[in-house]
Each structure stands twice: as structure tokens, then as C-alpha cells.
Amino acid sequence: MYPSMRIFYILLSIILLTTTQAKSQARGPLPDTDHKVVKKYYPNPAVSYIIFEIDREPNQAYTLQIYSFLGKMVKNIPDIADRYTLNLSDLYRGLYTFQLKDQSGHVTDSGIFQLNK
């Protein structure tokens, strides 16, 4: 390669790298959601049960779904109450995620809890 072409490509590379920006990720904090539907869930880590306290909107039914760390749904509780105690005796030790879905199937809240036995 000719020396002048090498210098041209180096300068072109520097110009392109300094003038372009990656637009794949937003800068700054993530936007805050309206409000959390699950006020709290405890104890975490859990041993045999976990309690979910829900801030329910009027005339709104929610479904609680529990997933293993591998992504398999292990529990599905339709029309969950404002305060619900979930028995975990039939689950194995590990990390679990939960999703709270509204009547249309949209995820309104989610989280992670640990099960120790």
C-alpha cells in the first residue's frame, strides 16, 4: 500500500470515529414508571413462603406469574388479592422472578426473589 493511501485511511478512520455516536443506548437515567403496583414483597430471601402486597387500581384484576431462573413458568395465580401469601414448599432453592400482569396481559411490575431451603 502506498504511504499516502495509508495516511488517508488513518485520517478517514479518525474523522469517522470522532464524529459518529452510537445511538443504541439512551444516555442518562431510565424514565420512571407511573407507580409500582407491588408495594412490597417479603421476606427476601424466602424459605417457605413469600408475601406480596399489591397497590390495586379499582376494578383491575392482576395475574401473578413466577418463573424459575431458567425462564420456565412454575406458578400462575390469576386474580391475586391485595395481600397474597405464596407457598413455596414445592419449589427448589434458587432465584425466581415474578411478573404481575393486568387484564390485558401487559406486565405492570416485576422483580426477583431468592428461595433458600
PDB file of N, CA and C in Angstrom:
ATOM      1  N   MET A   1       0.842  -1.168   0.000  1.00  0.00           N
ATOM      2  CA  MET A   1       0.000   0.000   0.000  1.00  0.00           C
ATOM      3  C   MET A   1       0.894   1.240   0.000  1.00  0.00           C
ATOM      4  N   TYR A   2       0.474   2.230  -0.728  1.00  0.00           N
ATOM      5  CA  TYR A   2       1.244   3.473  -0.831  1.00  0.00           C
ATOM      6  C   TYR A   2       1.155   4.240   0.482  1.00  0.00           C
ATOM      7  N   PRO A   3       2.214   4.927   0.857  1.00  0.00           N
ATOM      8  CA  PRO A   3       2.188   5.687   2.118  1.00  0.00           C
ATOM      9  C   PRO A   3       1.106   6.763   2.149  1.00  0.00           C
ATOM     10  N   SER A   4       0.835   7.392   1.026  1.00  0.00           N
ATOM     11  CA  SER A   4      -0.196   8.438   1.024  1.00  0.00           C
ATOM     12  C   SER A   4      -1.591   7.840   1.242  1.00  0.00           C
ATOM     13  N   MET A   5      -1.842   6.642   0.711  1.00  0.00           N
ATOM     14  CA  MET A   5      -3.135   5.976   0.928  1.00  0.00           C
ATOM     15  C   MET A   5      -3.291   5.561   2.387  1.00  0.00           C
ATOM     16  N   ARG A   6      -2.205   5.110   2.995  1.00  0.00           N
ATOM     17  CA  ARG A   6      -2.234   4.704   4.400  1.00  0.00           C
ATOM     18  C   ARG A   6      -2.595   5.896   5.279  1.00  0.00           C
ATOM     19  N   ILE A   7      -1.974   7.037   5.019  1.00  0.00           N
ATOM     20  CA  ILE A   7      -2.268   8.248   5.784  1.00  0.00           C
ATOM     21  C   ILE A   7      -3.725   8.669   5.558  1.00  0.00           C
ATOM     22  N   PHE A   8      -4.203   8.563   4.319  1.00  0.00           N
ATOM     23  CA  PHE A   8      -5.582   8.900   4.009  1.00  0.00           C
ATOM     24  C   PHE A   8      -6.557   8.031   4.810  1.00  0.00           C
ATOM     25  N   TYR A   9      -6.304   6.721   4.850  1.00  0.00           N
ATOM     26  CA  TYR A   9      -7.200   5.819   5.585  1.00  0.00           C
ATOM     27  C   TYR A   9      -7.139   6.059   7.094  1.00  0.00           C
ATOM     28  N   ILE A  10      -5.977   6.371   7.594  1.00  0.00           N
ATOM     29  CA  ILE A  10      -5.850   6.672   9.027  1.00  0.00           C
ATOM     30  C   ILE A  10      -6.629   7.943   9.364  1.00  0.00           C
ATOM     31  N   LEU A  11      -6.470   8.983   8.554  1.00  0.00           N
ATOM     32  CA  LEU A  11      -7.206  10.229   8.802  1.00  0.00           C
ATOM     33  C   LEU A  11      -8.712  10.020   8.651  1.00  0.00           C
ATOM     34  N   LEU A  12      -9.112   9.274   7.645  1.00  0.00           N
ATOM     35  CA  LEU A  12     -10.533   8.989   7.459  1.00  0.00           C
ATOM     36  C   LEU A  12     -11.105   8.215   8.649  1.00  0.00           C
ATOM     37  N   SER A  13     -10.365   7.254   9.156  1.00  0.00           N
ATOM     38  CA  SER A  13     -10.808   6.479  10.322  1.00  0.00           C
ATOM     39  C   SER A  13     -10.954   7.361  11.547  1.00  0.00           C
ATOM     40  N   ILE A  14     -10.007   8.237  11.773  1.00  0.00           N
ATOM     41  CA  ILE A  14     -10.069   9.137  12.928  1.00  0.00           C
ATOM     42  C   ILE A  14     -11.278  10.072  12.818  1.00  0.00           C
ATOM     43  N   ILE A  15     -11.503  10.605  11.634  1.00  0.00           N
ATOM     44  CA  ILE A  15     -12.645  11.513  11.440  1.00  0.00           C
ATOM     45  C   ILE A  15     -13.962  10.782  11.677  1.00  0.00           C
ATOM     46  N   LEU A  16     -14.092   9.590  11.121  1.00  0.00           N
ATOM     47  CA  LEU A  16     -15.335   8.838  11.291  1.00  0.00           C
ATOM     48  C   LEU A  16     -15.559   8.428  12.738  1.00  0.00           C
ATOM     49  N   LEU A  17     -14.516   8.024  13.433  1.00  0.00           N
ATOM     50  CA  LEU A  17     -14.668   7.588  14.823  1.00  0.00           C
ATOM     51  C   LEU A  17     -14.995   8.738  15.764  1.00  0.00           C
ATOM     52  N   THR A  18     -14.513   9.927  15.462  1.00  0.00           N
ATOM     53  CA  THR A  18     -14.775  11.053  16.366  1.00  0.00           C
ATOM     54  C   THR A  18     -16.083  11.768  16.063  1.00  0.00           C
ATOM     55  N   THR A  19     -16.631  11.624  14.857  1.00  0.00           N
ATOM     56  CA  THR A  19     -17.847  12.361  14.516  1.00  0.00           C
ATOM     57  C   THR A  19     -19.121  11.550  14.662  1.00  0.00           C
ATOM     58  N   THR A  20     -19.034  10.225  14.728  1.00  0.00           N
ATOM     59  CA  THR A  20     -20.243   9.404  14.852  1.00  0.00           C
ATOM     60  C   THR A  20     -20.421   8.957  16.288  1.00  0.00           C
ATOM     61  N   GLN A  21     -21.680   8.800  16.690  1.00  0.00           N
ATOM     62  CA  GLN A  21     -22.011   8.331  18.027  1.00  0.00           C
ATOM     63  C   GLN A  21     -22.917   7.122  17.916  1.00  0.00           C
ATOM     64  N   ALA A  22     -22.788   6.240  18.885  1.00  0.00           N
ATOM     65  CA  ALA A  22     -23.679   5.085  18.936  1.00  0.00           C
ATOM     66  C   ALA A  22     -25.024   5.533  19.492  1.00  0.00           C
ATOM     67  N   LYS A  23     -26.094   5.202  18.818  1.00  0.00           N
ATOM     68  CA  LYS A  23     -27.442   5.592  19.235  1.00  0.00           C
ATOM     69  C   LYS A  23     -28.216   4.416  19.823  1.00  0.00           C
ATOM     70  N   SER A  24     -27.537   3.323  20.131  1.00  0.00           N
ATOM     71  CA  SER A  24     -28.246   2.135  20.594  1.00  0.00           C
ATOM     72  C   SER A  24     -28.724   2.248  22.031  1.00  0.00           C
ATOM     73  N   GLN A  25     -28.079   3.046  22.852  1.00  0.00           N
ATOM     74  CA  GLN A  25     -28.474   3.163  24.248  1.00  0.00           C
ATOM     75  C   GLN A  25     -28.678   4.631  24.593  1.00  0.00           C
ATOM     76  N   ALA A  26     -29.734   4.887  25.321  1.00  0.00           N
ATOM     77  CA  ALA A  26     -30.022   6.251  25.742  1.00  0.00           C
ATOM     78  C   ALA A  26     -29.053   6.656  26.845  1.00  0.00           C
ATOM     79  N   ARG A  27     -28.681   7.883  26.841  1.00  0.00           N
ATOM     80  CA  ARG A  27     -27.803   8.406  27.884  1.00  0.00           C
ATOM     81  C   ARG A  27     -28.661   8.923  29.030  1.00  0.00           C
ATOM     82  N   GLY A  28     -28.169   8.786  30.245  1.00  0.00           N
ATOM     83  CA  GLY A  28     -28.881   9.308  31.392  1.00  0.00           C
ATOM     84  C   GLY A  28     -29.753   8.254  32.045  1.00  0.00           C
ATOM     85  N   PRO A  29     -30.502   8.649  33.075  1.00  0.00           N
ATOM     86  CA  PRO A  29     -31.329   7.690  33.813  1.00  0.00           C
ATOM     87  C   PRO A  29     -32.518   7.213  32.991  1.00  0.00           C
ATOM     88  N   LEU A  30     -32.982   6.032  33.339  1.00  0.00           N
ATOM     89  CA  LEU A  30     -34.157   5.484  32.675  1.00  0.00           C
ATOM     90  C   LEU A  30     -35.405   6.239  33.126  1.00  0.00           C
ATOM     91  N   PRO A  31     -36.401   6.338  32.262  1.00  0.00           N
ATOM     92  CA  PRO A  31     -37.628   7.041  32.677  1.00  0.00           C
ATOM     93  C   PRO A  31     -38.333   6.268  33.788  1.00  0.00           C
ATOM     94  N   ASP A  32     -38.874   7.019  34.736  1.00  0.00           N
ATOM     95  CA  ASP A  32     -39.565   6.410  35.869  1.00  0.00           C
ATOM     96  C   ASP A  32     -40.978   6.022  35.454  1.00  0.00           C
ATOM     97  N   THR A  33     -41.419   4.839  35.896  1.00  0.00           N
ATOM     98  CA  THR A  33     -42.776   4.411  35.594  1.00  0.00           C
ATOM     99  C   THR A  33     -43.758   5.173  36.481  1.00  0.00           C
ATOM    100  N   ASP A  34     -45.035   5.081  36.154  1.00  0.00           N
ATOM    101  CA  ASP A  34     -46.060   5.832  36.886  1.00  0.00           C
ATOM    102  C   ASP A  34     -46.020   5.513  38.373  1.00  0.00           C
ATOM    103  N   HIS A  35     -46.234   4.254  38.703  1.00  0.00           N
ATOM    104  CA  HIS A  35     -46.107   3.818  40.083  1.00  0.00           C
ATOM    105  C   HIS A  35     -45.969   2.300  40.091  1.00  0.00           C
ATOM    106  N   LYS A  36     -45.417   1.786  41.143  1.00  0.00           N
ATOM    107  CA  LYS A  36     -45.249   0.352  41.285  1.00  0.00           C
ATOM    108  C   LYS A  36     -46.541  -0.243  41.822  1.00  0.00           C
ATOM    109  N   VAL A  37     -46.967  -1.340  41.204  1.00  0.00           N
ATOM    110  CA  VAL A  37     -48.189  -1.999  41.648  1.00  0.00           C
ATOM    111  C   VAL A  37     -47.887  -2.865  42.862  1.00  0.00           C
ATOM    112  N   VAL A  38     -46.749  -3.568  42.843  1.00  0.00           N
ATOM    113  CA  VAL A  38     -46.343  -4.359  44.002  1.00  0.00           C
ATOM    114  C   VAL A  38     -45.671  -3.405  44.982  1.00  0.00           C
ATOM    115  N   LYS A  39     -46.359  -3.121  46.107  1.00  0.00           N
ATOM    116  CA  LYS A  39     -45.788  -2.211  47.098  1.00  0.00           C
ATOM    117  C   LYS A  39     -44.546  -2.825  47.721  1.00  0.00           C
ATOM    118  N   LYS A  40     -44.672  -4.109  48.129  1.00  0.00           N
ATOM    119  CA  LYS A  40     -43.517  -4.814  48.674  1.00  0.00           C
ATOM    120  C   LYS A  40     -43.761  -6.307  48.641  1.00  0.00           C
ATOM    121  N   TYR A  41     -42.680  -7.036  48.666  1.00  0.00           N
ATOM    122  CA  TYR A  41     -42.728  -8.490  48.775  1.00  0.00           C
ATOM    123  C   TYR A  41     -41.638  -8.893  49.754  1.00  0.00           C
ATOM    124  N   TYR A  42     -42.003  -9.752  50.680  1.00  0.00           N
ATOM    125  CA  TYR A  42     -41.109 -10.118  51.774  1.00  0.00           C
ATOM    126  C   TYR A  42     -41.484 -11.496  52.299  1.00  0.00           C
ATOM    127  N   PRO A  43     -40.652 -12.219  52.997  1.00  0.00           N
ATOM    128  CA  PRO A  43     -39.227 -11.971  53.210  1.00  0.00           C
ATOM    129  C   PRO A  43     -38.431 -12.304  51.957  1.00  0.00           C
ATOM    130  N   ASN A  44     -37.341 -11.646  51.791  1.00  0.00           N
ATOM    131  CA  ASN A  44     -36.452 -11.918  50.669  1.00  0.00           C
ATOM    132  C   ASN A  44     -35.028 -11.899  51.192  1.00  0.00           C
ATOM    133  N   PRO A  45     -34.359 -13.031  51.294  1.00  0.00           N
ATOM    134  CA  PRO A  45     -34.688 -14.345  50.743  1.00  0.00           C
ATOM    135  C   PRO A  45     -35.793 -15.042  51.531  1.00  0.00           C
ATOM    136  N   ALA A  46     -36.582 -15.819  50.805  1.00  0.00           N
ATOM    137  CA  ALA A  46     -37.699 -16.563  51.388  1.00  0.00           C
ATOM    138  C   ALA A  46     -37.259 -17.980  51.720  1.00  0.00           C
ATOM    139  N   VAL A  47     -38.008 -18.630  52.622  1.00  0.00           N
ATOM    140  CA  VAL A  47     -37.714 -20.018  52.985  1.00  0.00           C
ATOM    141  C   VAL A  47     -38.860 -20.932  52.576  1.00  0.00           C
ATOM    142  N   SER A  48     -40.073 -20.629  53.015  1.00  0.00           N
ATOM    143  CA  SER A  48     -41.208 -21.490  52.673  1.00  0.00           C
ATOM    144  C   SER A  48     -42.388 -20.715  52.086  1.00  0.00           C
ATOM    145  N   TYR A  49     -42.389 -19.390  52.225  1.00  0.00           N
ATOM    146  CA  TYR A  49     -43.473 -18.568  51.680  1.00  0.00           C
ATOM    147  C   TYR A  49     -42.928 -17.176  51.388  1.00  0.00           C
ATOM    148  N   ILE A  50     -43.672 -16.435  50.579  1.00  0.00           N
ATOM    149  CA  ILE A  50     -43.365 -15.026  50.325  1.00  0.00           C
ATOM    150  C   ILE A  50     -44.698 -14.289  50.238  1.00  0.00           C
ATOM    151  N   ILE A  51     -44.744 -13.089  50.779  1.00  0.00           N
ATOM    152  CA  ILE A  51     -45.959 -12.287  50.815  1.00  0.00           C
ATOM    153  C   ILE A  51     -45.823 -11.140  49.821  1.00  0.00           C
ATOM    154  N   PHE A  52     -46.839 -10.979  48.976  1.00  0.00           N
ATOM    155  CA  PHE A  52     -46.900  -9.874  48.023  1.00  0.00           C
ATOM    156  C   PHE A  52     -47.991  -8.921  48.471  1.00  0.00           C
ATOM    157  N   GLU A  53     -47.669  -7.638  48.575  1.00  0.00           N
ATOM    158  CA  GLU A  53     -48.659  -6.608  48.872  1.00  0.00           C
ATOM    159  C   GLU A  53     -48.832  -5.764  47.619  1.00  0.00           C
ATOM    160  N   ILE A  54     -50.072  -5.718  47.135  1.00  0.00           N
ATOM    161  CA  ILE A  54     -50.396  -5.101  45.858  1.00  0.00           C
ATOM    162  C   ILE A  54     -51.133  -3.785  46.075  1.00  0.00           C
ATOM    163  N   ASP A  55     -50.773  -2.753  45.323  1.00  0.00           N
ATOM    164  CA  ASP A  55     -51.495  -1.490  45.310  1.00  0.00           C
ATOM    165  C   ASP A  55     -52.432  -1.536  44.103  1.00  0.00           C
ATOM    166  N   ARG A  56     -53.586  -2.109  44.317  1.00  0.00           N
ATOM    167  CA  ARG A  56     -54.526  -2.404  43.228  1.00  0.00           C
ATOM    168  C   ARG A  56     -55.296  -1.158  42.797  1.00  0.00           C
ATOM    169  N   GLU A  57     -55.449  -1.033  41.473  1.00  0.00           N
ATOM    170  CA  GLU A  57     -56.318   0.002  40.932  1.00  0.00           C
ATOM    171  C   GLU A  57     -57.756  -0.503  40.999  1.00  0.00           C
ATOM    172  N   PRO A  58     -58.737   0.382  41.118  1.00  0.00           N
ATOM    173  CA  PRO A  58     -60.138  -0.067  41.194  1.00  0.00           C
ATOM    174  C   PRO A  58     -60.551  -0.848  39.947  1.00  0.00           C
ATOM    175  N   ASN A  59     -61.310  -1.905  40.167  1.00  0.00           N
ATOM    176  CA  ASN A  59     -61.835  -2.758  39.087  1.00  0.00           C
ATOM    177  C   ASN A  59     -60.745  -3.324  38.182  1.00  0.00           C
ATOM    178  N   GLN A  60     -59.581  -3.611  38.739  1.00  0.00           N
ATOM    179  CA  GLN A  60     -58.479  -4.167  37.958  1.00  0.00           C
ATOM    180  C   GLN A  60     -58.071  -5.504  38.570  1.00  0.00           C
ATOM    181  N   ALA A  61     -58.005  -6.536  37.747  1.00  0.00           N
ATOM    182  CA  ALA A  61     -57.557  -7.852  38.201  1.00  0.00           C
ATOM    183  C   ALA A  61     -56.133  -8.071  37.705  1.00  0.00           C
ATOM    184  N   TYR A  62     -55.314  -8.662  38.553  1.00  0.00           N
ATOM    185  CA  TYR A  62     -53.927  -8.918  38.210  1.00  0.00           C
ATOM    186  C   TYR A  62     -53.640 -10.413  38.297  1.00  0.00           C
ATOM    187  N   THR A  63     -52.715 -10.863  37.469  1.00  0.00           N
ATOM    188  CA  THR A  63     -52.241 -12.242  37.484  1.00  0.00           C
ATOM    189  C   THR A  63     -50.777 -12.231  37.880  1.00  0.00           C
ATOM    190  N   LEU A  64     -50.421 -13.060  38.855  1.00  0.00           N
ATOM    191  CA  LEU A  64     -49.036 -13.186  39.306  1.00  0.00           C
ATOM    192  C   LEU A  64     -48.434 -14.436  38.679  1.00  0.00           C
ATOM    193  N   GLN A  65     -47.309 -14.266  38.004  1.00  0.00           N
ATOM    194  CA  GLN A  65     -46.615 -15.393  37.395  1.00  0.00           C
ATOM    195  C   GLN A  65     -45.205 -15.471  37.959  1.00  0.00           C
ATOM    196  N   ILE A  66     -44.819 -16.681  38.366  1.00  0.00           N
ATOM    197  CA  ILE A  66     -43.492 -16.930  38.926  1.00  0.00           C
ATOM    198  C   ILE A  66     -42.703 -17.752  37.922  1.00  0.00           C
ATOM    199  N   TYR A  67     -41.466 -17.326  37.661  1.00  0.00           N
ATOM    200  CA  TYR A  67     -40.592 -18.005  36.715  1.00  0.00           C
ATOM    201  C   TYR A  67     -39.309 -18.441  37.409  1.00  0.00           C
ATOM    202  N   SER A  68     -38.815 -19.619  37.012  1.00  0.00           N
ATOM    203  CA  SER A  68     -37.515 -20.062  37.512  1.00  0.00           C
ATOM    204  C   SER A  68     -36.432 -19.229  36.851  1.00  0.00           C
ATOM    205  N   PHE A  69     -35.212 -19.387  37.329  1.00  0.00           N
ATOM    206  CA  PHE A  69     -34.088 -18.631  36.772  1.00  0.00           C
ATOM    207  C   PHE A  69     -33.834 -19.004  35.315  1.00  0.00           C
ATOM    208  N   LEU A  70     -34.277 -20.193  34.922  1.00  0.00           N
ATOM    209  CA  LEU A  70     -34.107 -20.648  33.542  1.00  0.00           C
ATOM    210  C   LEU A  70     -35.221 -20.140  32.626  1.00  0.00           C
ATOM    211  N   GLY A  71     -36.227 -19.457  33.188  1.00  0.00           N
ATOM    212  CA  GLY A  71     -37.285 -18.871  32.383  1.00  0.00           C
ATOM    213  C   GLY A  71     -38.543 -19.709  32.281  1.00  0.00           C
ATOM    214  N   LYS A  72     -38.605 -20.818  32.994  1.00  0.00           N
ATOM    215  CA  LYS A  72     -39.786 -21.679  32.958  1.00  0.00           C
ATOM    216  C   LYS A  72     -40.815 -21.162  33.958  1.00  0.00           C
ATOM    217  N   MET A  73     -42.080 -21.022  33.517  1.00  0.00           N
ATOM    218  CA  MET A  73     -43.125 -20.599  34.439  1.00  0.00           C
ATOM    219  C   MET A  73     -43.435 -21.746  35.398  1.00  0.00           C
ATOM    220  N   VAL A  74     -43.342 -21.468  36.703  1.00  0.00           N
ATOM    221  CA  VAL A  74     -43.573 -22.509  37.702  1.00  0.00           C
ATOM    222  C   VAL A  74     -44.875 -22.289  38.468  1.00  0.00           C
ATOM    223  N   LYS A  75     -45.383 -21.064  38.468  1.00  0.00           N
ATOM    224  CA  LYS A  75     -46.659 -20.785  39.135  1.00  0.00           C
ATOM    225  C   LYS A  75     -47.392 -19.688  38.363  1.00  0.00           C
ATOM    226  N   ASN A  76     -48.722 -19.828  38.325  1.00  0.00           N
ATOM    227  CA  ASN A  76     -49.587 -18.839  37.689  1.00  0.00           C
ATOM    228  C   ASN A  76     -50.799 -18.651  38.589  1.00  0.00           C
ATOM    229  N   ILE A  77     -50.920 -17.475  39.183  1.00  0.00           N
ATOM    230  CA  ILE A  77     -52.010 -17.201  40.119  1.00  0.00           C
ATOM    231  C   ILE A  77     -52.885 -16.098  39.537  1.00  0.00           C
ATOM    232  N   PRO A  78     -54.069 -16.452  38.981  1.00  0.00           N
ATOM    233  CA  PRO A  78     -54.961 -15.419  38.438  1.00  0.00           C
ATOM    234  C   PRO A  78     -55.711 -14.691  39.544  1.00  0.00           C
ATOM    235  N   ASP A  79     -56.065 -13.458  39.280  1.00  0.00           N
ATOM    236  CA  ASP A  79     -56.862 -12.618  40.174  1.00  0.00           C
ATOM    237  C   ASP A  79     -56.310 -12.614  41.592  1.00  0.00           C
ATOM    238  N   ILE A  80     -55.099 -12.129  41.731  1.00  0.00           N
ATOM    239  CA  ILE A  80     -54.397 -12.102  43.018  1.00  0.00           C
ATOM    240  C   ILE A  80     -55.034 -11.058  43.940  1.00  0.00           C
ATOM    241  N   ALA A  81     -55.045 -11.344  45.229  1.00  0.00           N
ATOM    242  CA  ALA A  81     -55.631 -10.436  46.225  1.00  0.00           C
ATOM    243  C   ALA A  81     -54.654  -9.305  46.547  1.00  0.00           C
ATOM    244  N   ASP A  82     -55.147  -8.314  47.326  1.00  0.00           N
ATOM    245  CA  ASP A  82     -54.303  -7.176  47.711  1.00  0.00           C
ATOM    246  C   ASP A  82     -53.097  -7.607  48.540  1.00  0.00           C
ATOM    247  N   ARG A  83     -53.285  -8.631  49.349  1.00  0.00           N
ATOM    248  CA  ARG A  83     -52.189  -9.203  50.137  1.00  0.00           C
ATOM    249  C   ARG A  83     -52.253 -10.709  49.920  1.00  0.00           C
ATOM    250  N   TYR A  84     -51.213 -11.256  49.309  1.00  0.00           N
ATOM    251  CA  TYR A  84     -51.240 -12.659  48.928  1.00  0.00           C
ATOM    252  C   TYR A  84     -50.001 -13.365  49.470  1.00  0.00           C
ATOM    253  N   THR A  85     -50.212 -14.486  50.165  1.00  0.00           N
ATOM    254  CA  THR A  85     -49.114 -15.306  50.661  1.00  0.00           C
ATOM    255  C   THR A  85     -48.945 -16.483  49.721  1.00  0.00           C
ATOM    256  N   LEU A  86     -47.778 -16.580  49.133  1.00  0.00           N
ATOM    257  CA  LEU A  86     -47.471 -17.623  48.155  1.00  0.00           C
ATOM    258  C   LEU A  86     -46.654 -18.717  48.826  1.00  0.00           C
ATOM    259  N   ASN A  87     -47.183 -19.944  48.790  1.00  0.00           N
ATOM    260  CA  ASN A  87     -46.490 -21.094  49.353  1.00  0.00           C
ATOM    261  C   ASN A  87     -45.396 -21.535  48.387  1.00  0.00           C
ATOM    262  N   LEU A  88     -44.163 -21.658  48.885  1.00  0.00           N
ATOM    263  CA  LEU A  88     -43.022 -22.009  48.042  1.00  0.00           C
ATOM    264  C   LEU A  88     -42.469 -23.398  48.355  1.00  0.00           C
ATOM    265  N   SER A  89     -43.233 -24.202  49.098  1.00  0.00           N
ATOM    266  CA  SER A  89     -42.707 -25.502  49.540  1.00  0.00           C
ATOM    267  C   SER A  89     -42.465 -26.473  48.392  1.00  0.00           C
ATOM    268  N   ASP A  90     -43.147 -26.291  47.262  1.00  0.00           N
ATOM    269  CA  ASP A  90     -42.970 -27.206  46.140  1.00  0.00           C
ATOM    270  C   ASP A  90     -41.910 -26.744  45.138  1.00  0.00           C
ATOM    271  N   LEU A  91     -41.216 -25.648  45.457  1.00  0.00           N
ATOM    272  CA  LEU A  91     -40.166 -25.148  44.572  1.00  0.00           C
ATOM    273  C   LEU A  91     -38.786 -25.466  45.130  1.00  0.00           C
ATOM    274  N   TYR A  92     -37.813 -25.532  44.223  1.00  0.00           N
ATOM    275  CA  TYR A  92     -36.438 -25.791  44.627  1.00  0.00           C
ATOM    276  C   TYR A  92     -35.742 -24.478  44.994  1.00  0.00           C
ATOM    277  N   ARG A  93     -34.657 -24.612  45.693  1.00  0.00           N
ATOM    278  CA  ARG A  93     -33.841 -23.474  46.086  1.00  0.00           C
ATOM    279  C   ARG A  93     -33.293 -22.778  44.839  1.00  0.00           C
ATOM    280  N   GLY A  94     -33.219 -21.449  44.877  1.00  0.00           N
ATOM    281  CA  GLY A  94     -32.659 -20.707  43.753  1.00  0.00           C
ATOM    282  C   GLY A  94     -33.272 -19.328  43.597  1.00  0.00           C
ATOM    283  N   LEU A  95     -32.986 -18.703  42.464  1.00  0.00           N
ATOM    284  CA  LEU A  95     -33.524 -17.384  42.146  1.00  0.00           C
ATOM    285  C   LEU A  95     -34.776 -17.531  41.298  1.00  0.00           C
ATOM    286  N   TYR A  96     -35.761 -16.708  41.594  1.00  0.00           N
ATOM    287  CA  TYR A  96     -37.021 -16.708  40.853  1.00  0.00           C
ATOM    288  C   TYR A  96     -37.376 -15.270  40.498  1.00  0.00           C
ATOM    289  N   THR A  97     -38.058 -15.109  39.386  1.00  0.00           N
ATOM    290  CA  THR A  97     -38.574 -13.798  39.008  1.00  0.00           C
ATOM    291  C   THR A  97     -40.092 -13.850  39.049  1.00  0.00           C
ATOM    292  N   PHE A  98     -40.701 -12.709  39.275  1.00  0.00           N
ATOM    293  CA  PHE A  98     -42.155 -12.646  39.212  1.00  0.00           C
ATOM    294  C   PHE A  98     -42.558 -11.538  38.255  1.00  0.00           C
ATOM    295  N   GLN A  99     -43.712 -11.730  37.649  1.00  0.00           N
ATOM    296  CA  GLN A  99     -44.319 -10.711  36.800  1.00  0.00           C
ATOM    297  C   GLN A  99     -45.769 -10.556  37.230  1.00  0.00           C
ATOM    298  N   LEU A 100     -46.196  -9.336  37.372  1.00  0.00           N
ATOM    299  CA  LEU A 100     -47.587  -9.035  37.670  1.00  0.00           C
ATOM    300  C   LEU A 100     -48.185  -8.449  36.404  1.00  0.00           C
ATOM    301  N   LYS A 101     -49.209  -9.116  35.880  1.00  0.00           N
ATOM    302  CA  LYS A 101     -49.818  -8.695  34.610  1.00  0.00           C
ATOM    303  C   LYS A 101     -51.242  -8.223  34.856  1.00  0.00           C
ATOM    304  N   ASP A 102     -51.643  -7.202  34.098  1.00  0.00           N
ATOM    305  CA  ASP A 102     -53.018  -6.723  34.200  1.00  0.00           C
ATOM    306  C   ASP A 102     -53.928  -7.570  33.309  1.00  0.00           C
ATOM    307  N   GLN A 103     -55.187  -7.185  33.206  1.00  0.00           N
ATOM    308  CA  GLN A 103     -56.172  -7.974  32.454  1.00  0.00           C
ATOM    309  C   GLN A 103     -55.847  -8.077  30.975  1.00  0.00           C
ATOM    310  N   SER A 104     -55.157  -7.076  30.426  1.00  0.00           N
ATOM    311  CA  SER A 104     -54.815  -7.105  29.004  1.00  0.00           C
ATOM    312  C   SER A 104     -53.519  -7.861  28.733  1.00  0.00           C
ATOM    313  N   GLY A 105     -52.847  -8.321  29.795  1.00  0.00           N
ATOM    314  CA  GLY A 105     -51.624  -9.099  29.617  1.00  0.00           C
ATOM    315  C   GLY A 105     -50.346  -8.290  29.659  1.00  0.00           C
ATOM    316  N   HIS A 106     -50.439  -6.991  29.893  1.00  0.00           N
ATOM    317  CA  HIS A 106     -49.250  -6.154  29.987  1.00  0.00           C
ATOM    318  C   HIS A 106     -48.590  -6.346  31.357  1.00  0.00           C
ATOM    319  N   VAL A 107     -47.275  -6.420  31.375  1.00  0.00           N
ATOM    320  CA  VAL A 107     -46.532  -6.548  32.630  1.00  0.00           C
ATOM    321  C   VAL A 107     -46.529  -5.187  33.316  1.00  0.00           C
ATOM    322  N   THR A 108     -47.128  -5.132  34.507  1.00  0.00           N
ATOM    323  CA  THR A 108     -47.192  -3.875  35.249  1.00  0.00           C
ATOM    324  C   THR A 108     -46.094  -3.766  36.286  1.00  0.00           C
ATOM    325  N   ASP A 109     -45.552  -4.894  36.725  1.00  0.00           N
ATOM    326  CA  ASP A 109     -44.474  -4.890  37.704  1.00  0.00           C
ATOM    327  C   ASP A 109     -43.743  -6.224  37.633  1.00  0.00           C
ATOM    328  N   SER A 110     -42.501  -6.215  38.068  1.00  0.00           N
ATOM    329  CA  SER A 110     -41.715  -7.446  38.085  1.00  0.00           C
ATOM    330  C   SER A 110     -40.612  -7.306  39.129  1.00  0.00           C
ATOM    331  N   GLY A 111     -40.012  -8.419  39.467  1.00  0.00           N
ATOM    332  CA  GLY A 111     -38.934  -8.404  40.447  1.00  0.00           C
ATOM    333  C   GLY A 111     -38.299  -9.781  40.571  1.00  0.00           C
ATOM    334  N   ILE A 112     -37.314  -9.855  41.457  1.00  0.00           N
ATOM    335  CA  ILE A 112     -36.563 -11.096  41.686  1.00  0.00           C
ATOM    336  C   ILE A 112     -36.573 -11.390  43.181  1.00  0.00           C
ATOM    337  N   PHE A 113     -36.717 -12.658  43.515  1.00  0.00           N
ATOM    338  CA  PHE A 113     -36.548 -13.063  44.907  1.00  0.00           C
ATOM    339  C   PHE A 113     -35.754 -14.354  44.954  1.00  0.00           C
ATOM    340  N   GLN A 114     -35.168 -14.594  46.120  1.00  0.00           N
ATOM    341  CA  GLN A 114     -34.351 -15.782  46.317  1.00  0.00           C
ATOM    342  C   GLN A 114     -35.053 -16.736  47.265  1.00  0.00           C
ATOM    343  N   LEU A 115     -34.985 -18.021  46.946  1.00  0.00           N
ATOM    344  CA  LEU A 115     -35.571 -19.054  47.793  1.00  0.00           C
ATOM    345  C   LEU A 115     -34.457 -19.881  48.392  1.00  0.00           C
ATOM    346  N   ASN A 116     -34.361 -19.861  49.725  1.00  0.00           N
ATOM    347  CA  ASN A 116     -33.380 -20.660  50.464  1.00  0.00           C
ATOM    348  C   ASN A 116     -34.106 -21.741  51.231  1.00  0.00           C
ATOM    349  N   LYS A 117     -33.634 -22.953  51.121  1.00  0.00           N
ATOM    350  CA  LYS A 117     -34.250 -24.053  51.881  1.00  0.00           C
ATOM    351  C   LYS A 117     -33.200 -24.768  52.681  1.00  0.00           C
TER     352      LYS A 117
END
